[in-house]
Protein backbone atom coordinates (compact mmCIF):
# COMPACT_ATOMS: atom_id res chain seq x y z
CA GLY A 1 0.02 -0.05 0.00
CA ALA A 2 3.05 2.37 0.02
CA ARG A 3 2.18 3.83 -3.35
CA TYR A 4 -1.19 4.81 -1.93
CA ASN A 5 0.29 6.20 1.27
CA ILE A 6 -1.22 3.31 3.24
CA LYS A 7 0.82 2.47 6.38
CA ILE A 8 0.86 -0.87 7.95
CA ASN A 9 2.50 -1.70 11.32
CA THR A 10 2.08 -4.54 13.75
CA ILE A 11 1.71 -4.53 17.50
CA ALA A 12 2.84 -7.49 19.52
CA PRO A 13 0.93 -6.80 22.69
CA ILE A 14 1.84 -8.10 26.15
CA ALA A 15 -1.33 -8.44 28.11
CA ALA A 16 -2.64 -10.27 31.17
CA THR A 17 -5.43 -12.88 30.84
CA ARG A 18 -7.32 -14.95 33.24
CA LEU A 19 -4.75 -17.75 32.57
CA THR A 20 -1.95 -15.48 33.88
CA GLN A 21 -3.90 -14.21 36.89
CA ASP A 22 -2.46 -16.87 39.23
CA ILE A 23 1.06 -16.73 37.77
CA LEU A 24 1.88 -12.99 37.62
CA PRO A 25 2.21 -10.73 40.70
CA PRO A 26 -1.00 -8.81 41.15
CA ASP A 27 0.56 -5.37 40.57
CA LEU A 28 2.14 -6.48 37.26
CA HIS A 29 -1.11 -8.35 36.19
CA ASP A 30 -3.08 -5.14 36.84
CA ARG A 31 -0.75 -3.09 34.66
CA LEU A 32 -0.86 -5.50 31.70
CA THR A 33 -4.21 -4.31 30.39
CA PRO A 34 -5.28 -3.24 26.88
CA ASP A 35 -5.41 0.37 28.12
CA PHE A 36 -1.56 0.38 27.90
CA VAL A 37 -1.59 -0.93 24.31
CA SER A 38 -4.33 1.19 22.71
CA PRO A 39 -2.32 4.49 22.80
CA LEU A 40 0.28 2.93 20.52
CA ALA A 41 -2.47 1.59 18.22
CA LEU A 42 -3.96 5.07 18.02
CA TYR A 43 -0.63 6.66 17.26
CA LEU A 44 0.25 4.20 14.58
CA CYS A 45 -3.16 4.86 12.90
CA SER A 46 -2.69 8.67 13.02
CA GLU A 47 -1.61 11.00 10.35
CA GLN A 48 1.36 11.99 12.48
CA CYS A 49 2.86 8.45 12.34
CA PRO A 50 5.84 8.64 9.87
CA VAL A 51 6.64 4.84 9.69
CA SER A 52 5.31 1.70 8.02
CA GLY A 53 6.30 -1.88 7.99
CA ARG A 54 7.43 -2.13 11.55
CA ILE A 55 6.64 -4.27 14.63
CA TYR A 56 6.22 -2.79 18.10
CA GLN A 57 5.94 -4.32 21.47
CA ALA A 58 3.56 -2.81 24.04
CA GLY A 59 2.53 -3.65 27.48
CA GLY A 60 2.44 -2.27 30.99
CA GLY A 61 3.63 1.08 29.91
CA VAL A 62 6.69 -0.18 28.07
CA TYR A 63 6.92 0.38 24.26
CA GLY A 64 9.64 -0.68 21.88
CA ARG A 65 10.40 -1.71 18.34
CA ALA A 66 10.93 -5.34 17.53
CA ALA A 67 12.48 -6.50 14.31
CA VAL A 68 12.58 -9.57 12.15
CA VAL A 69 16.02 -10.27 10.68
CA SER A 70 17.20 -12.78 8.13
CA GLY A 71 20.48 -14.53 8.22
CA PRO A 72 22.32 -15.26 4.93
CA GLY A 73 21.06 -18.80 4.80
CA VAL A 74 22.58 -21.69 2.84
CA ARG A 75 21.62 -22.85 -0.65
CA LEU A 76 20.94 -26.56 -0.76
CA GLY A 77 19.72 -28.56 -3.73
CA THR A 78 19.73 -27.00 -7.21
CA ASP A 79 18.20 -29.65 -9.46
CA LYS A 80 16.07 -31.26 -6.71
CA PRO A 81 14.98 -30.43 -3.18
CA PRO A 82 17.40 -31.42 -0.42
CA THR A 83 16.80 -34.35 1.78
CA PRO A 84 15.97 -33.84 5.46
CA GLU A 85 19.47 -35.22 6.11
CA GLU A 86 21.11 -32.47 3.99
CA ILE A 87 19.20 -29.90 5.95
CA ALA A 88 20.37 -31.54 9.22
CA ALA A 89 23.98 -31.62 7.93
CA HIS A 90 23.80 -27.84 7.26
CA TRP A 91 21.66 -26.93 10.24
CA GLN A 92 24.25 -24.48 11.83
CA GLU A 93 24.30 -22.54 8.54
CA VAL A 94 20.47 -22.44 8.52
CA LEU A 95 20.46 -21.18 12.18
CA SER A 96 23.27 -18.57 11.70
CA LEU A 97 22.45 -14.97 12.02
CA GLU A 98 26.04 -13.86 11.30
CA GLY A 99 25.69 -11.06 8.78
CA ALA A 100 21.89 -10.88 9.36
CA LYS A 101 20.00 -8.09 7.85
CA GLU A 102 16.77 -6.37 8.78
CA TYR A 103 14.52 -5.76 5.65
CA GLU A 104 12.05 -2.90 5.33
CA ASN A 105 9.37 -5.28 3.94
CA ALA A 106 8.70 -8.80 2.83
CA ASN A 107 9.28 -8.06 -0.84
CA GLU A 108 12.82 -6.86 -0.10
CA ALA A 109 13.55 -10.03 1.94
CA LEU A 110 12.22 -12.25 -0.85
CA MET A 111 14.25 -10.48 -3.53
CA SER A 112 17.45 -10.85 -1.33
CA MET A 113 16.74 -14.44 -0.90
CA LEU A 114 16.29 -15.10 -4.69
CA GLU A 115 19.58 -13.35 -5.65
């Protein structure tokens, strides 16, 4: 939606539920309400918000940006898909984030992977 000036952001909220009521300390449980998430949602929907394509954490009065990064990966199988054993043999390369990069959007990440 960028060409139409449509902004899309994601919120990863941290909120208490009935399931966490017996686990979290009462003062923390009481602060982890949607009331602390909704101000960020409103800002991200406003005309003043300059960003798009980002992920934000919100909960209990704490706000921050999160990011998805992609490591360089490893190319396996050119003529046919690799076997699960080949994947296992290269697992450390699959897991590696050395030289990882944050991409602005999914299209950018996909194009980098296909290069």
